[in-house]
Amino acid sequence: MSASTIIFYIVSALVLVFGAMSVFTRKIFRAAIYLLFSLIGIAGIYILMNMDFIAALQVLIYVGGIIVLIIFSIFLTHQAGDKLPKPLFKRIVAGASMAAFGLIVVLGVFYKTAFKVTTEAGIDHSARSIGRQMLDYHHHGYVYPFEIVSFLLLAALVGCIVIAVNIQKK
């Protein structure tokens, strides 16, 4: 086992641990910080895969944008140190059911996919190539996933505003 494989397993374990801690903590500010560490770990995985541009985007968009937005909304609500209420049992069951369904779908896709070892040259993942592919409508068509990501960012922005406004009405 090579050193990069060991580092990959360590970083992946940290991403999973911080992701779980983000979900299960009852302090909202701590959840945001755990999510921050998890997203930084994902950027580390991109670096291990020699995708520096994607790692930089991960840090800029998710760590620098989304997490800062979430932390601002937490501070706007003035509940940074408060504990969240215990979730209702039916919400725990619904969340666990949805997580189990997602796991089943992922495992189903994983086992049905025939992974092949190839000797072909890898794709060019330079910033120029990625920019051309993102703006291309014909060959690779990354415009639509790019637009979907922009909707995700917009939804996160609107969600943060809704959280901040609802708490201030009380």
Foldseek 3Di string as FASTA:
>chain_A
DDPLVVVLVVLVVLLVVLCVCLVPFQQPLSSLVSNLSNLLSVLVNCVSVVQNVVSVVSCCPVNVPLSVLLVVLCVLLVRRGPGHDDDDPVVVVVVVVVVVVVVVVVVVVVVVDDDDDDPDDDDDNDPVVVVVLCPDCPDNHNVVVVVVVVVVSVVSNVVSVVSSVVSVVD
